[in-house]
Amino acid sequence: MQELKQLEEIDRDIRRLKEIAGRLKAAQPEFPALVRNADRILASTKMLELNVCDLLDLAAE
C-alpha cells in the first residue's frame, strides 16, 4: 500500500515535470537551445511515464 502511494506521488511529479517543460518550450520558441532541451526533457518524462505506468498497473493487480 505504501509503495502504491509512493508510485502515485512519483507519477504526479512526472506530470509536473512534463507540464513545466512544455511551458518552457512554448514560452521561448525563438531560443533554440531551450526548445531542444525541453524536447529532451519531454522525451525523458515520457519514458518515466511509461515505466511508472507499468509499475502502477502491476501494483493495482
N, C-alpha and C. Protein backbone atom coordinates (compact mmCIF):
# COMPACT_ATOMS: atom_id res chain seq x y z
N MET A 1 0.83 -1.20 0.00
CA MET A 1 0.00 0.00 0.00
C MET A 1 0.87 1.26 0.00
N GLN A 2 1.90 1.26 0.84
CA GLN A 2 2.82 2.40 0.89
C GLN A 2 3.52 2.59 -0.46
N GLU A 3 3.89 1.48 -1.08
CA GLU A 3 4.55 1.54 -2.39
C GLU A 3 3.63 2.17 -3.43
N LEU A 4 2.35 1.84 -3.37
CA LEU A 4 1.39 2.41 -4.32
C LEU A 4 1.31 3.92 -4.14
N LYS A 5 1.28 4.38 -2.91
CA LYS A 5 1.22 5.83 -2.66
C LYS A 5 2.48 6.51 -3.17
N GLN A 6 3.63 5.87 -2.98
CA GLN A 6 4.88 6.43 -3.48
C GLN A 6 4.86 6.50 -5.01
N LEU A 7 4.37 5.46 -5.65
CA LEU A 7 4.29 5.45 -7.11
C LEU A 7 3.34 6.54 -7.61
N GLU A 8 2.24 6.74 -6.92
CA GLU A 8 1.30 7.78 -7.31
C GLU A 8 1.92 9.16 -7.15
N GLU A 9 2.71 9.35 -6.11
CA GLU A 9 3.40 10.62 -5.90
C GLU A 9 4.45 10.84 -7.01
N ILE A 10 5.17 9.80 -7.35
CA ILE A 10 6.14 9.89 -8.44
C ILE A 10 5.43 10.24 -9.74
N ASP A 11 4.30 9.61 -9.98
CA ASP A 11 3.51 9.89 -11.18
C ASP A 11 3.11 11.36 -11.24
N ARG A 12 2.66 11.91 -10.13
CA ARG A 12 2.29 13.33 -10.08
C ARG A 12 3.50 14.22 -10.38
N ASP A 13 4.66 13.87 -9.81
CA ASP A 13 5.87 14.65 -10.05
C ASP A 13 6.28 14.61 -11.52
N ILE A 14 6.16 13.46 -12.14
CA ILE A 14 6.50 13.33 -13.56
C ILE A 14 5.56 14.20 -14.39
N ARG A 15 4.30 14.20 -14.05
CA ARG A 15 3.33 15.04 -14.78
C ARG A 15 3.67 16.52 -14.64
N ARG A 16 4.12 16.91 -13.44
CA ARG A 16 4.53 18.30 -13.23
C ARG A 16 5.75 18.65 -14.08
N LEU A 17 6.73 17.73 -14.12
CA LEU A 17 7.91 17.95 -14.96
C LEU A 17 7.50 18.16 -16.42
N LYS A 18 6.60 17.32 -16.88
CA LYS A 18 6.13 17.40 -18.26
C LYS A 18 5.45 18.74 -18.53
N GLU A 19 4.64 19.18 -17.59
CA GLU A 19 3.94 20.45 -17.73
C GLU A 19 4.93 21.63 -17.78
N ILE A 20 5.89 21.62 -16.88
CA ILE A 20 6.88 22.70 -16.83
C ILE A 20 7.72 22.73 -18.10
N ALA A 21 8.18 21.58 -18.56
CA ALA A 21 8.97 21.52 -19.79
C ALA A 21 8.16 22.03 -20.98
N GLY A 22 6.90 21.69 -21.03
CA GLY A 22 6.03 22.17 -22.09
C GLY A 22 5.86 23.68 -22.05
N ARG A 23 5.73 24.24 -20.85
CA ARG A 23 5.61 25.69 -20.72
C ARG A 23 6.90 26.39 -21.13
N LEU A 24 8.04 25.84 -20.74
CA LEU A 24 9.33 26.43 -21.12
C LEU A 24 9.48 26.44 -22.65
N LYS A 25 9.14 25.34 -23.26
CA LYS A 25 9.25 25.22 -24.71
C LYS A 25 8.35 26.24 -25.41
N ALA A 26 7.13 26.38 -24.93
CA ALA A 26 6.16 27.29 -25.55
C ALA A 26 6.49 28.76 -25.29
N ALA A 27 7.12 29.04 -24.15
CA ALA A 27 7.39 30.42 -23.77
C ALA A 27 8.51 31.05 -24.58
N GLN A 28 9.46 30.27 -25.05
CA GLN A 28 10.62 30.82 -25.73
C GLN A 28 10.93 30.09 -27.04
N PRO A 29 10.02 30.09 -28.00
CA PRO A 29 10.27 29.35 -29.25
C PRO A 29 11.46 29.90 -30.05
N GLU A 30 11.86 31.16 -29.78
CA GLU A 30 12.99 31.75 -30.50
C GLU A 30 14.34 31.44 -29.85
N PHE A 31 14.32 30.63 -28.81
CA PHE A 31 15.54 30.25 -28.09
C PHE A 31 15.79 28.76 -28.39
N PRO A 32 16.49 28.45 -29.48
CA PRO A 32 16.62 27.06 -29.95
C PRO A 32 17.17 26.08 -28.91
N ALA A 33 18.15 26.50 -28.15
CA ALA A 33 18.73 25.58 -27.16
C ALA A 33 17.69 25.21 -26.11
N LEU A 34 16.88 26.16 -25.70
CA LEU A 34 15.83 25.88 -24.72
C LEU A 34 14.81 24.91 -25.29
N VAL A 35 14.42 25.13 -26.53
CA VAL A 35 13.45 24.25 -27.17
C VAL A 35 14.00 22.83 -27.28
N ARG A 36 15.25 22.69 -27.73
CA ARG A 36 15.86 21.35 -27.85
C ARG A 36 15.95 20.66 -26.50
N ASN A 37 16.38 21.40 -25.47
CA ASN A 37 16.49 20.78 -24.15
C ASN A 37 15.13 20.45 -23.56
N ALA A 38 14.14 21.29 -23.82
CA ALA A 38 12.79 20.99 -23.36
C ALA A 38 12.28 19.72 -24.05
N ASP A 39 12.59 19.58 -25.34
CA ASP A 39 12.21 18.36 -26.06
C ASP A 39 12.86 17.13 -25.43
N ARG A 40 14.11 17.26 -25.04
CA ARG A 40 14.80 16.14 -24.39
C ARG A 40 14.15 15.80 -23.05
N ILE A 41 13.80 16.84 -22.31
CA ILE A 41 13.13 16.62 -21.03
C ILE A 41 11.79 15.91 -21.26
N LEU A 42 11.06 16.36 -22.26
CA LEU A 42 9.77 15.74 -22.57
C LEU A 42 9.93 14.28 -22.98
N ALA A 43 10.98 13.98 -23.74
CA ALA A 43 11.23 12.59 -24.12
C ALA A 43 11.57 11.74 -22.90
N SER A 44 12.37 12.30 -22.01
CA SER A 44 12.73 11.57 -20.79
C SER A 44 11.52 11.36 -19.88
N THR A 45 10.68 12.39 -19.77
CA THR A 45 9.50 12.23 -18.93
C THR A 45 8.54 11.21 -19.52
N LYS A 46 8.51 11.11 -20.85
CA LYS A 46 7.67 10.09 -21.49
C LYS A 46 8.13 8.69 -21.08
N MET A 47 9.44 8.48 -21.09
CA MET A 47 9.97 7.18 -20.67
C MET A 47 9.65 6.91 -19.20
N LEU A 48 9.78 7.93 -18.37
CA LEU A 48 9.43 7.78 -16.96
C LEU A 48 7.95 7.44 -16.80
N GLU A 49 7.10 8.12 -17.57
CA GLU A 49 5.67 7.84 -17.52
C GLU A 49 5.39 6.38 -17.85
N LEU A 50 6.03 5.89 -18.91
CA LEU A 50 5.82 4.50 -19.30
C LEU A 50 6.27 3.54 -18.21
N ASN A 51 7.42 3.82 -17.61
CA ASN A 51 7.93 2.96 -16.55
C ASN A 51 7.01 2.95 -15.33
N VAL A 52 6.59 4.13 -14.91
CA VAL A 52 5.74 4.23 -13.72
C VAL A 52 4.35 3.66 -14.02
N CYS A 53 3.86 3.89 -15.21
CA CYS A 53 2.57 3.35 -15.60
C CYS A 53 2.55 1.83 -15.48
N ASP A 54 3.63 1.20 -15.95
CA ASP A 54 3.74 -0.25 -15.84
C ASP A 54 3.72 -0.68 -14.37
N LEU A 55 4.46 0.03 -13.54
CA LEU A 55 4.51 -0.31 -12.11
C LEU A 55 3.17 -0.11 -11.44
N LEU A 56 2.48 0.98 -11.81
CA LEU A 56 1.15 1.22 -11.23
C LEU A 56 0.17 0.14 -11.64
N ASP A 57 0.27 -0.32 -12.89
CA ASP A 57 -0.59 -1.40 -13.34
C ASP A 57 -0.33 -2.69 -12.56
N LEU A 58 0.94 -2.98 -12.32
CA LEU A 58 1.28 -4.18 -11.55
C LEU A 58 0.82 -4.05 -10.11
N ALA A 59 0.96 -2.88 -9.54
CA ALA A 59 0.56 -2.66 -8.15
C ALA A 59 -0.96 -2.77 -7.99
N ALA A 60 -1.70 -2.37 -9.03
CA ALA A 60 -3.16 -2.42 -8.95
C ALA A 60 -3.69 -3.85 -9.01
N GLU A 61 -2.89 -4.76 -9.59
CA GLU A 61 -3.34 -6.15 -9.70
C GLU A 61 -3.24 -6.78 -8.37
